[in-house]
C-alpha atoms as a PDB file:
ATOM      1  CA  MET A   1     108.418  97.266  86.387  1.00  0.00           C
ATOM      2  CA  ASP A   2     110.751  96.802  88.601  1.00  0.00           C
ATOM      3  CA  THR A   3     110.193  94.573  91.653  1.00  0.00           C
ATOM      4  CA  SER A   4     113.150  96.116  93.917  1.00  0.00           C
ATOM      5  CA  TRP A   5     110.696  99.466  93.103  1.00  0.00           C
ATOM      6  CA  LEU A   6     107.545  97.839  93.972  1.00  0.00           C
ATOM      7  CA  GLN A   7     108.910  95.698  97.081  1.00  0.00           C
ATOM      8  CA  GLU A   8     109.961  99.536  98.461  1.00  0.00           C
ATOM      9  CA  ARG A   9     106.240 100.672  97.857  1.00  0.00           C
ATOM     10  CA  ILE A  10     104.480  97.836  99.034  1.00  0.00           C
ATOM     11  CA  THR A  11     106.565  98.143 102.470  1.00  0.00           C
ATOM     12  CA  ALA A  12     106.040 102.087 103.047  1.00  0.00           C
ATOM     13  CA  THR A  13     102.073 101.038 101.880  1.00  0.00           C
ATOM     14  CA  LYS A  14     102.210  98.798 105.083  1.00  0.00           C
ATOM     15  CA  ALA A  15     103.958 100.802 106.949  1.00  0.00           C
ATOM     16  CA  LEU A  16     100.980 103.616 105.923  1.00  0.00           C
ATOM     17  CA  ILE A  17      98.439 101.062 106.775  1.00  0.00           C
ATOM     18  CA  GLU A  18      99.955 100.542 110.293  1.00  0.00           C
ATOM     19  CA  ALA A  19      99.852 104.106 111.190  1.00  0.00           C
ATOM     20  CA  TYR A  20      95.827 104.454 110.481  1.00  0.00           C
ATOM     21  CA  GLU A  21      95.660 101.124 111.923  1.00  0.00           C
ATOM     22  CA  THR A  22      97.023 102.601 115.341  1.00  0.00           C
ATOM     23  CA  ALA A  23      95.425 105.886 114.871  1.00  0.00           C
ATOM     24  CA  LEU A  24      92.091 104.495 114.243  1.00  0.00           C
ATOM     25  CA  THR A  25      92.491 101.871 117.501  1.00  0.00           C
ATOM     26  CA  THR A  26      93.724 104.638 119.706  1.00  0.00           C
ATOM     27  CA  LEU A  27      90.870 107.189 118.853  1.00  0.00           C
ATOM     28  CA  SER A  28      88.082 104.625 119.364  1.00  0.00           C
ATOM     29  CA  ALA A  29      89.713 103.580 122.789  1.00  0.00           C
ATOM     30  CA  GLY A  30      88.427 106.747 124.462  1.00  0.00           C
ATOM     31  CA  THR A  31      91.274 107.271 126.661  1.00  0.00           C
ATOM     32  CA  GLN A  32      92.445 110.422 124.330  1.00  0.00           C
ATOM     33  CA  LYS A  33      90.680 113.020 122.538  1.00  0.00           C
ATOM     34  CA  SER A  34      93.648 113.669 119.700  1.00  0.00           C
ATOM     35  CA  TYR A  35      96.541 111.671 118.172  1.00  0.00           C
ATOM     36  CA  MET A  36      99.577 112.609 116.373  1.00  0.00           C
ATOM     37  CA  LEU A  37      99.273 110.526 113.381  1.00  0.00           C
ATOM     38  CA  ASP A  38     102.619 110.126 111.162  1.00  0.00           C
ATOM     39  CA  THR A  39     102.367 109.194 107.705  1.00  0.00           C
ATOM     40  CA  GLY A  40     106.278 108.920 106.786  1.00  0.00           C
ATOM     41  CA  GLN A  41     105.712 112.239 104.588  1.00  0.00           C
ATOM     42  CA  THR A  42     103.075 114.480 107.235  1.00  0.00           C
ATOM     43  CA  LYS A  43     102.515 114.598 111.073  1.00  0.00           C
ATOM     44  CA  THR A  44      98.785 115.832 111.259  1.00  0.00           C
ATOM     45  CA  ALA A  45      96.550 115.836 114.402  1.00  0.00           C
ATOM     46  CA  VAL A  46      93.518 113.886 114.539  1.00  0.00           C
ATOM     47  CA  THR A  47      90.756 113.642 116.648  1.00  0.00           C
ATOM     48  CA  LYS A  48      87.566 111.424 116.975  1.00  0.00           C
ATOM     49  CA  LYS A  49      86.037 113.786 114.389  1.00  0.00           C
ATOM     50  CA  ASP A  50      88.246 112.500 111.605  1.00  0.00           C
ATOM     51  CA  VAL A  51      87.786 108.775 111.874  1.00  0.00           C
ATOM     52  CA  GLY A  52      85.590 108.522 108.933  1.00  0.00           C
ATOM     53  CA  SER A  53      88.281 109.953 106.830  1.00  0.00           C
ATOM     54  CA  ILE A  54      90.998 108.099 108.604  1.00  0.00           C
ATOM     55  CA  THR A  55      89.075 104.845 107.722  1.00  0.00           C
ATOM     56  CA  LYS A  56      88.679 105.816 103.782  1.00  0.00           C
ATOM     57  CA  SER A  57      92.386 106.459 103.877  1.00  0.00           C
ATOM     58  CA  LEU A  58      92.920 103.086 105.134  1.00  0.00           C
ATOM     59  CA  ASN A  59      90.761 101.166 103.113  1.00  0.00           C
ATOM     60  CA  SER A  60      92.229 103.263 100.108  1.00  0.00           C
ATOM     61  CA  ALA A  61      96.296 102.214 101.363  1.00  0.00           C
ATOM     62  CA  TYR A  62      94.811  98.359 101.321  1.00  0.00           C
ATOM     63  CA  ASN A  63      93.628  98.592  98.010  1.00  0.00           C
ATOM     64  CA  LEU A  64      96.984 100.032  97.245  1.00  0.00           C
ATOM     65  CA  LEU A  65      98.494  97.268  98.825  1.00  0.00           C
ATOM     66  CA  ALA A  66      96.606  94.933  96.635  1.00  0.00           C
ATOM     67  CA  THR A  67      96.960  95.960  93.627  1.00  0.00           C
ATOM     68  CA  LEU A  68     101.301  96.527  94.464  1.00  0.00           C
ATOM     69  CA  GLU A  69     101.276  92.842  95.411  1.00  0.00           C
ATOM     70  CA  ALA A  70      99.781  91.686  92.393  1.00  0.00           C
ATOM     71  CA  ARG A  71     102.008  93.627  89.938  1.00  0.00           C
ATOM     72  CA  LEU A  72     104.981  92.274  91.935  1.00  0.00           C
ATOM     73  CA  ASP A  73     103.464  88.506  91.503  1.00  0.00           C
ATOM     74  CA  GLY A  74     102.847  88.925  87.921  1.00  0.00           C
ATOM     75  CA  ALA A  75      98.642  89.002  88.618  1.00  0.00           C
ATOM     76  CA  ALA A  76      98.199  92.099  86.836  1.00  0.00           C
ATOM     77  CA  VAL A  77      98.445  93.047  84.017  1.00  0.00           C
ATOM     78  CA  GLN A  78      97.898  96.138  81.025  1.00  0.00           C
ATOM     79  CA  SER A  79      96.045  95.331  77.822  1.00  0.00           C
ATOM     80  CA  ARG A  80      95.341  97.716  75.120  1.00  0.00           C
ATOM     81  CA  PRO A  81      92.282  96.425  72.628  1.00  0.00           C
ATOM     82  CA  ALA A  82      93.526  95.228  69.487  1.00  0.00           C
ATOM     83  CA  TRP A  83      91.405  97.545  67.114  1.00  0.00           C
END
């Protein structure tokens, strides 16, 4: 894979993780009832009822980041059966 493309995806995924974490921190602090979540592609108003969904999205973003970094480092390979 193209290493520069992978690095761009890693940077974008890290920015997404930071956006989710900021939203969770702000909503969990209790000072605000809603928060404008800007993922870089969309802007969405989220509330405390969305915390579970944001947490799932955050976990998915961390998994994506781990996969992208593994591909960049050469730790993830695709294999096919030989039969």
